[in-house]
Amino acid sequence: MIKKTLYFGNPAYLSLKLGQMVIKLPEIAKNETLPERMKQQGEITKPIEDIGIVVLDNKQVTITQGLLEALLETNSAIITCDKRSMPVGLMLPLCGNTVQSERFRDQIDASLPLKKQLWQQTVKAKIRNQTSVLTICTGKEIKNMRRWENDVKSGDTDNLEGRAAAYYWKTIFSGIKELDGFTRDREGIPPNNLLNYGYAILRAVVARALVSSGMLPTLGIHHHNRYNAYCLADDIMEPYRPYVDEIVFSLIKEYGYDNIQELTKEMKIRLLSIPTTDVIINGKRSPLMIAVSQTTASLYRCFNGELRRISYPEI
């Protein structure tokens, strides 16, 4: 079942009652000019088991400890946003799998050659999907990217990921005059703001799936940053990033460059649809959130020796 993503951008009081999330909207409930029938819509319930991600994007959102506990028990991810509406925090359950300690050991004991091979597969899948997105966005066949994909070695010792990324970002928006020479930078000009938002949602989806598969999202196969609690999530999300890039490209085409300087409600809605975006994995069409779970399940089976290849989607 596809889990729902709930976004709260207005004041709200969130609590738990009889296994349901109770959503109270004070702006509606306290409005004396509204008829009673409409006031009743100021309180909504959602089944806890249907929720996968909760985004809190208003300083006047209150959430009870009981609801937090219930959400984490069902492996939900909770994202908090700053005053610019950009995601800054992620809460995940500590225990997401019944045999978690055994899976931790398999992950920790993974050999360096295995991790290098898994990173090679990850980089190849990322470049492959970047190439497909470039073809979609530019209408041209990108032969050098195909060549770089085929040339990736174990551990990507030649840093073809970086070479491909430099070309990718220089090319993807080349048809948009204002973005000539665009570079990817978290603090850079738009559409970096849209990319940051989309990647944060994707990161939460991947981290949640890793915990559900019984792995530590902190221990990466390639990323190793002492200040990063989600190194493995950052590794595994790499081949999924181009799906976000394609959505951002479509938003620029639809709204125009001058209208993406600030994230609007409509843009957030499109980016919050990332978990339900259709992808092709193992030859079958699947929502991205379900595909990520297949990816993380296959990753663990690589750690315990059952498989030799991670299942990644293809655009």
Protein backbone atom coordinates (compact mmCIF):
# COMPACT_ATOMS: atom_id res chain seq x y z
CA MET A 1 0.00 0.00 0.00
CA ILE A 2 1.24 3.50 -0.85
CA LYS A 3 1.68 5.55 2.32
CA LYS A 4 0.36 9.12 2.30
CA THR A 5 2.41 12.29 2.62
CA LEU A 6 0.69 14.88 4.85
CA TYR A 7 1.75 18.54 4.64
CA PHE A 8 0.85 21.15 7.27
CA GLY A 9 1.53 24.72 6.15
CA ASN A 10 -1.09 26.42 8.31
CA PRO A 11 -1.67 26.46 12.11
CA ALA A 12 -2.89 23.05 13.27
CA TYR A 13 -3.24 20.95 16.40
CA LEU A 14 -2.31 17.30 15.76
CA SER A 15 -3.20 14.61 18.27
CA LEU A 16 -4.03 10.91 18.56
CA LYS A 17 -7.39 9.30 19.25
CA LEU A 18 -8.37 5.64 18.76
CA GLY A 19 -5.53 4.93 16.35
CA GLN A 20 -6.33 7.99 14.26
CA MET A 21 -4.47 11.24 13.70
CA VAL A 22 -6.85 14.03 14.68
CA ILE A 23 -6.22 17.26 12.77
CA LYS A 24 -7.76 20.40 14.23
CA LEU A 25 -7.53 23.61 12.21
CA PRO A 26 -8.08 26.55 14.60
CA GLU A 27 -8.41 29.10 11.79
CA ILE A 28 -11.61 27.35 10.68
CA ALA A 29 -12.93 26.33 14.09
CA LYS A 30 -12.65 29.86 15.53
CA ASN A 31 -14.10 31.71 12.54
CA GLU A 32 -17.48 32.93 13.75
CA THR A 33 -18.59 33.96 10.26
CA LEU A 34 -18.55 30.39 8.95
CA PRO A 35 -21.68 28.20 9.12
CA GLU A 36 -21.57 25.27 11.55
CA ARG A 37 -21.39 22.77 8.70
CA MET A 38 -18.11 24.29 7.48
CA LYS A 39 -16.74 24.57 11.02
CA GLN A 40 -17.06 20.81 11.38
CA GLN A 41 -14.53 20.49 8.55
CA GLY A 42 -12.00 22.09 10.90
CA GLU A 43 -11.46 18.66 12.49
CA ILE A 44 -10.29 15.77 10.30
CA THR A 45 -9.06 12.26 11.11
CA LYS A 46 -6.54 10.11 9.24
CA PRO A 47 -5.67 6.43 9.97
CA ILE A 48 -2.13 6.24 11.39
CA GLU A 49 -1.28 3.14 9.35
CA ASP A 50 -1.93 5.05 6.09
CA ILE A 51 0.69 7.74 6.82
CA GLY A 52 4.27 7.53 5.55
CA ILE A 53 5.60 11.10 5.77
CA VAL A 54 4.48 14.15 7.76
CA VAL A 55 5.80 17.61 6.82
CA LEU A 56 5.49 20.33 9.50
CA ASP A 57 5.86 23.75 7.86
CA ASN A 58 4.33 26.27 10.26
CA LYS A 59 5.53 27.56 13.64
CA GLN A 60 1.97 27.24 14.97
CA VAL A 61 1.70 23.50 14.39
CA THR A 62 1.37 21.58 17.68
CA ILE A 63 1.87 17.80 17.73
CA THR A 64 1.35 15.63 20.81
CA GLN A 65 3.81 13.09 22.17
CA GLY A 66 1.19 10.37 21.81
CA LEU A 67 0.85 11.05 18.09
CA LEU A 68 4.62 11.17 17.59
CA GLU A 69 4.94 7.77 19.25
CA ALA A 70 2.18 6.28 17.11
CA LEU A 71 3.66 7.65 13.89
CA LEU A 72 7.13 6.32 14.68
CA GLU A 73 5.72 2.91 15.63
CA THR A 74 4.36 2.62 12.07
CA ASN A 75 7.69 3.72 10.54
CA SER A 76 6.56 7.19 9.51
CA ALA A 77 9.11 9.91 8.80
CA ILE A 78 8.51 13.38 10.26
CA ILE A 79 10.05 16.42 8.54
CA THR A 80 10.26 19.87 10.13
CA CYS A 81 10.82 23.07 8.12
CA ASP A 82 12.48 26.40 8.90
CA LYS A 83 11.13 29.95 8.45
CA ARG A 84 11.93 29.74 4.72
CA SER A 85 9.78 26.57 4.46
CA MET A 86 12.88 24.49 3.73
CA PRO A 87 13.17 21.07 5.44
CA VAL A 88 15.75 21.19 8.26
CA GLY A 89 14.95 18.19 10.48
CA LEU A 90 14.04 14.52 10.08
CA MET A 91 12.71 12.17 12.76
CA LEU A 92 12.77 8.41 12.20
CA PRO A 93 12.00 5.37 14.38
CA LEU A 94 14.93 3.81 16.26
CA CYS A 95 13.63 0.30 15.66
CA GLY A 96 12.10 -0.39 12.27
CA ASN A 97 12.65 -4.14 11.87
CA THR A 98 12.13 -7.20 14.07
CA VAL A 99 15.65 -8.58 13.42
CA GLN A 100 17.37 -5.22 13.49
CA SER A 101 20.48 -6.14 15.50
CA GLU A 102 21.26 -9.05 13.14
CA ARG A 103 20.90 -6.73 10.14
CA PHE A 104 23.08 -4.09 11.79
CA ARG A 105 25.85 -6.70 12.12
CA ASP A 106 25.58 -7.72 8.47
CA GLN A 107 25.75 -4.07 7.43
CA ILE A 108 28.69 -3.26 9.70
CA ASP A 109 30.60 -6.40 8.63
CA ALA A 110 30.26 -5.67 4.91
CA SER A 111 33.68 -5.84 3.26
CA LEU A 112 35.30 -2.88 1.55
CA PRO A 113 35.35 -4.64 -1.87
CA LEU A 114 31.59 -5.26 -1.54
CA LYS A 115 30.90 -1.62 -0.69
CA LYS A 116 33.02 -0.48 -3.64
CA GLN A 117 31.04 -2.76 -5.97
CA LEU A 118 27.75 -1.47 -4.58
CA TRP A 119 28.91 2.12 -5.08
CA GLN A 120 29.89 1.28 -8.66
CA GLN A 121 26.36 -0.01 -9.28
CA THR A 122 24.88 3.10 -7.66
CA VAL A 123 26.93 5.52 -9.75
CA LYS A 124 26.12 3.63 -12.95
CA ALA A 125 22.39 3.76 -12.15
CA LYS A 126 22.60 7.48 -11.33
CA ILE A 127 24.41 8.38 -14.58
CA ARG A 128 22.00 6.19 -16.56
CA ASN A 129 18.99 8.04 -15.14
CA GLN A 130 20.67 11.43 -15.54
CA THR A 131 21.27 10.59 -19.20
CA SER A 132 17.59 9.72 -19.69
CA VAL A 133 16.50 12.98 -18.05
CA LEU A 134 18.88 14.99 -20.24
CA THR A 135 17.42 13.31 -23.33
CA ILE A 136 13.89 14.15 -22.15
CA CYS A 137 14.74 17.77 -21.29
CA THR A 138 16.98 18.61 -24.27
CA GLY A 139 15.60 16.27 -26.91
CA LYS A 140 19.12 15.07 -27.72
CA GLU A 141 20.93 11.75 -27.30
CA ILE A 142 23.77 12.20 -24.78
CA LYS A 143 26.46 9.78 -25.95
CA ASN A 144 29.28 10.92 -23.63
CA MET A 145 27.13 10.21 -20.56
CA ARG A 146 26.44 6.69 -21.86
CA ARG A 147 30.16 6.18 -22.27
CA TRP A 148 30.90 7.42 -18.74
CA GLU A 149 28.25 5.06 -17.36
CA ASN A 150 29.94 2.09 -19.01
CA ASP A 151 33.38 3.18 -17.78
CA VAL A 152 32.57 3.38 -14.06
CA LYS A 153 34.97 1.15 -12.10
CA SER A 154 34.63 -0.45 -8.68
CA GLY A 155 34.50 2.36 -6.13
CA ASP A 156 34.31 4.90 -9.00
CA THR A 157 38.05 5.53 -8.66
CA ASP A 158 37.99 7.88 -11.67
CA ASN A 159 35.20 10.00 -10.13
CA LEU A 160 33.00 9.67 -13.19
CA GLU A 161 30.05 10.58 -10.95
CA GLY A 162 31.56 14.05 -10.51
CA ARG A 163 32.43 14.42 -14.21
CA ALA A 164 28.92 13.38 -15.23
CA ALA A 165 27.35 15.71 -12.65
CA ALA A 166 29.32 18.73 -13.93
CA TYR A 167 28.18 18.06 -17.50
CA TYR A 168 24.63 17.25 -16.41
CA TRP A 169 24.04 20.51 -14.53
CA LYS A 170 25.66 22.56 -17.29
CA THR A 171 23.35 20.95 -19.86
CA ILE A 172 19.96 20.27 -18.29
CA PHE A 173 18.83 23.93 -18.19
CA SER A 174 20.87 25.07 -21.22
CA GLY A 175 17.73 25.99 -23.14
CA ILE A 176 16.69 28.52 -20.48
CA LYS A 177 18.47 31.84 -21.00
CA GLU A 178 18.52 32.86 -17.32
CA LEU A 179 20.16 29.54 -16.36
CA ASP A 180 23.04 29.56 -18.81
CA GLY A 181 26.03 28.11 -16.92
CA PHE A 182 23.88 26.89 -14.00
CA THR A 183 25.69 25.16 -11.14
CA ARG A 184 24.18 23.02 -8.42
CA ASP A 185 24.65 24.76 -5.05
CA ARG A 186 22.43 24.47 -1.99
CA GLU A 187 22.70 28.23 -1.41
CA GLY A 188 22.70 29.13 -5.11
CA ILE A 189 20.16 30.76 -7.37
CA PRO A 190 16.81 29.14 -8.20
CA PRO A 191 15.97 26.42 -9.08
CA ASN A 192 18.37 25.29 -6.32
CA ASN A 193 15.56 26.08 -3.88
CA LEU A 194 13.20 23.67 -5.65
CA LEU A 195 15.91 21.01 -5.88
CA ASN A 196 16.71 21.37 -2.16
CA TYR A 197 13.06 20.87 -1.25
CA GLY A 198 12.57 17.90 -3.54
CA TYR A 199 15.77 16.18 -2.40
CA ALA A 200 14.76 16.61 1.25
CA ILE A 201 11.48 14.80 0.59
CA LEU A 202 13.34 12.07 -1.33
CA ARG A 203 15.91 11.72 1.46
CA ALA A 204 13.13 11.17 4.00
CA VAL A 205 11.56 8.47 1.80
CA VAL A 206 14.90 6.66 1.45
CA ALA A 207 15.87 6.98 5.13
CA ARG A 208 12.46 5.65 6.17
CA ALA A 209 12.84 2.64 3.86
CA LEU A 210 16.35 1.90 5.17
CA VAL A 211 15.10 1.86 8.76
CA SER A 212 12.16 -0.36 7.74
CA SER A 213 14.66 -2.75 6.13
CA GLY A 214 16.58 -2.92 9.42
CA MET A 215 19.67 -0.90 8.47
CA LEU A 216 21.49 2.07 9.95
CA PRO A 217 21.03 5.08 7.65
CA THR A 218 24.19 6.58 9.19
CA LEU A 219 26.66 3.99 7.84
CA GLY A 220 27.16 4.70 4.15
CA ILE A 221 28.73 2.60 1.43
CA HIS A 222 30.48 5.70 0.06
CA HIS A 223 29.46 8.88 1.90
CA HIS A 224 31.41 9.27 5.16
CA ASN A 225 30.79 12.54 6.99
CA ARG A 226 31.08 12.67 10.76
CA TYR A 227 28.34 15.33 10.86
CA ASN A 228 25.89 13.47 8.60
CA ALA A 229 23.42 11.12 10.28
CA TYR A 230 22.10 9.84 6.93
CA CYS A 231 25.15 8.86 4.87
CA LEU A 232 23.57 5.63 3.60
CA ALA A 233 20.38 7.46 2.64
CA ASP A 234 22.49 9.93 0.66
CA ASP A 235 24.17 7.00 -1.12
CA ILE A 236 21.01 5.12 -2.02
CA MET A 237 19.00 8.17 -3.11
CA GLU A 238 21.53 9.07 -5.83
CA PRO A 239 19.85 7.15 -8.71
CA TYR A 240 16.50 8.60 -7.61
CA ARG A 241 17.59 12.26 -7.75
CA PRO A 242 16.94 12.58 -11.52
CA TYR A 243 13.22 12.01 -10.85
CA VAL A 244 13.25 15.18 -8.75
CA ASP A 245 15.26 17.00 -11.42
CA GLU A 246 12.68 16.14 -14.09
CA ILE A 247 9.85 17.51 -11.91
CA VAL A 248 11.82 20.72 -11.26
CA PHE A 249 12.50 21.12 -14.99
CA SER A 250 8.77 20.79 -15.72
CA LEU A 251 7.97 23.41 -13.05
CA ILE A 252 10.38 25.91 -14.66
CA LYS A 253 8.84 25.29 -18.07
CA GLU A 254 5.33 25.68 -16.66
CA TYR A 255 5.81 28.75 -14.44
CA GLY A 256 8.78 30.47 -16.07
CA TYR A 257 12.08 31.31 -14.40
CA ASP A 258 10.89 34.60 -12.89
CA ASN A 259 8.11 32.80 -11.00
CA ILE A 260 10.23 30.16 -9.23
CA GLN A 261 12.17 32.56 -7.01
CA GLU A 262 9.93 31.54 -4.10
CA LEU A 263 8.37 28.16 -3.40
CA THR A 264 4.61 28.50 -3.84
CA LYS A 265 1.92 26.19 -2.49
CA GLU A 266 1.37 24.76 -5.98
CA MET A 267 5.08 23.99 -6.39
CA LYS A 268 5.24 22.31 -2.99
CA ILE A 269 2.26 20.14 -3.90
CA ARG A 270 4.08 18.95 -7.04
CA LEU A 271 7.29 18.23 -5.12
CA LEU A 272 5.37 16.49 -2.33
CA SER A 273 4.06 14.09 -4.98
CA ILE A 274 7.56 12.61 -5.34
CA PRO A 275 6.74 9.51 -3.21
CA THR A 276 3.86 8.61 -5.56
CA THR A 277 5.75 9.29 -8.82
CA ASP A 278 5.64 6.26 -11.11
CA VAL A 279 8.99 4.58 -11.77
CA ILE A 280 10.08 1.40 -13.55
CA ILE A 281 11.95 -1.09 -11.37
CA ASN A 282 12.65 -4.74 -12.17
CA GLY A 283 10.65 -4.28 -15.37
CA LYS A 284 7.48 -3.22 -13.56
CA ARG A 285 5.81 0.14 -12.94
CA SER A 286 5.67 1.12 -9.29
CA PRO A 287 5.22 4.23 -7.11
CA LEU A 288 8.62 5.63 -6.09
CA MET A 289 8.01 4.95 -2.38
CA ILE A 290 7.39 1.26 -3.09
CA ALA A 291 10.39 1.11 -5.43
CA VAL A 292 12.66 2.58 -2.73
CA SER A 293 11.55 -0.20 -0.37
CA GLN A 294 12.53 -2.76 -3.03
CA THR A 295 15.89 -1.02 -3.38
CA THR A 296 16.65 -1.07 0.35
CA ALA A 297 15.47 -4.67 0.69
CA SER A 298 17.84 -5.69 -2.11
CA LEU A 299 20.67 -3.71 -0.47
CA TYR A 300 20.34 -5.72 2.72
CA ARG A 301 20.35 -8.96 0.73
CA CYS A 302 23.65 -7.79 -0.78
CA PHE A 303 25.00 -7.23 2.73
CA ASN A 304 24.03 -10.73 3.88
CA GLY A 305 25.28 -12.43 0.70
CA GLU A 306 21.97 -13.41 -0.89
CA LEU A 307 22.32 -10.97 -3.79
CA ARG A 308 25.15 -9.28 -5.68
CA ARG A 309 23.19 -6.39 -7.19
CA ILE A 310 21.02 -3.58 -5.82
CA SER A 311 17.65 -3.10 -7.52
CA TYR A 312 17.47 0.47 -8.85
CA PRO A 313 14.81 2.08 -11.07
CA GLU A 314 15.34 3.17 -14.67
CA ILE A 315 13.86 6.27 -16.31
